[in-house]
Amino acid sequence: MEKIDFSQVSVLVVDDNMHMRKIVRALLMAFGVRQVQEAEDGASALEAFEQNSPDIIITDWVMPII
């Protein structure tokens, strides 16, 4: 099976639950993603998106401050 290199992929994880953000971060890093950013609400996610333009955004569906 061919191994995929995720080391250059940037991901923004958006969730108001800190524990869920940490779990998703750990899973992404286990897959080799080196650039993982976190945001706890929609406002900080928008700011992070504008500053860094991540390749992928993983987000909670229901959050405060959207």
Protein backbone atom coordinates (compact mmCIF):
# COMPACT_ATOMS: atom_id res chain seq x y z
CA MET A 1 0.00 0.00 0.00
CA GLU A 2 1.30 3.44 -0.96
CA LYS A 3 2.03 5.79 1.93
CA ILE A 4 0.62 9.32 1.58
CA ASP A 5 2.67 12.26 2.81
CA PHE A 6 0.49 14.67 4.82
CA SER A 7 3.39 16.68 6.23
CA GLN A 8 2.70 19.71 4.02
CA VAL A 9 -1.08 19.77 4.62
CA SER A 10 -2.36 22.51 6.94
CA VAL A 11 -5.52 21.90 8.96
CA LEU A 12 -7.71 24.17 11.08
CA VAL A 13 -9.70 22.34 13.77
CA VAL A 14 -12.69 24.33 15.04
CA ASP A 15 -14.64 23.09 18.06
CA ASP A 16 -15.81 24.69 21.30
CA ASN A 17 -14.90 21.48 23.15
CA MET A 18 -11.19 21.59 24.03
CA HIS A 19 -11.00 17.82 24.51
CA MET A 20 -12.39 17.14 21.03
CA ARG A 21 -9.88 19.57 19.51
CA LYS A 22 -7.04 17.74 21.26
CA ILE A 23 -8.31 14.33 20.07
CA VAL A 24 -8.61 15.50 16.46
CA ARG A 25 -5.16 17.14 16.66
CA ALA A 26 -3.62 13.91 17.96
CA LEU A 27 -5.23 11.87 15.17
CA LEU A 28 -4.07 14.29 12.49
CA MET A 29 -0.54 14.30 13.85
CA ALA A 30 -0.55 10.49 13.94
CA PHE A 31 -1.29 10.62 10.20
CA GLY A 32 1.69 12.93 9.71
CA VAL A 33 -0.01 16.32 9.54
CA ARG A 34 2.45 18.83 11.00
CA GLN A 35 0.49 22.06 10.65
CA VAL A 36 -2.57 21.86 12.90
CA GLN A 37 -4.19 25.02 14.19
CA GLU A 38 -7.09 25.19 16.64
CA ALA A 39 -9.96 27.63 17.16
CA GLU A 40 -12.64 27.52 19.85
CA ASP A 41 -15.36 29.51 18.10
CA GLY A 42 -16.42 30.84 14.74
CA ALA A 43 -14.91 34.28 15.23
CA SER A 44 -11.43 32.97 16.05
CA ALA A 45 -11.77 30.40 13.25
CA LEU A 46 -12.46 33.16 10.73
CA GLU A 47 -9.44 35.10 11.97
CA ALA A 48 -7.22 31.98 11.73
CA PHE A 49 -8.54 31.27 8.24
CA GLU A 50 -7.82 34.80 7.04
CA GLN A 51 -4.28 34.73 8.46
CA ASN A 52 -3.22 31.23 7.41
CA SER A 53 -5.53 29.91 4.66
CA PRO A 54 -5.49 26.26 5.77
CA ASP A 55 -5.89 23.47 3.22
CA ILE A 56 -8.58 21.72 5.29
CA ILE A 57 -11.04 22.89 7.96
CA ILE A 58 -12.58 20.37 10.35
CA THR A 59 -15.39 22.00 12.30
CA ASP A 60 -18.11 21.30 14.80
CA TRP A 61 -21.59 21.95 13.41
CA VAL A 62 -23.02 23.75 16.47
CA MET A 63 -20.87 26.32 18.26
CA PRO A 64 -21.19 29.66 20.02
CA ILE A 65 -19.97 32.93 18.49
CA ILE A 66 -20.39 32.18 14.82
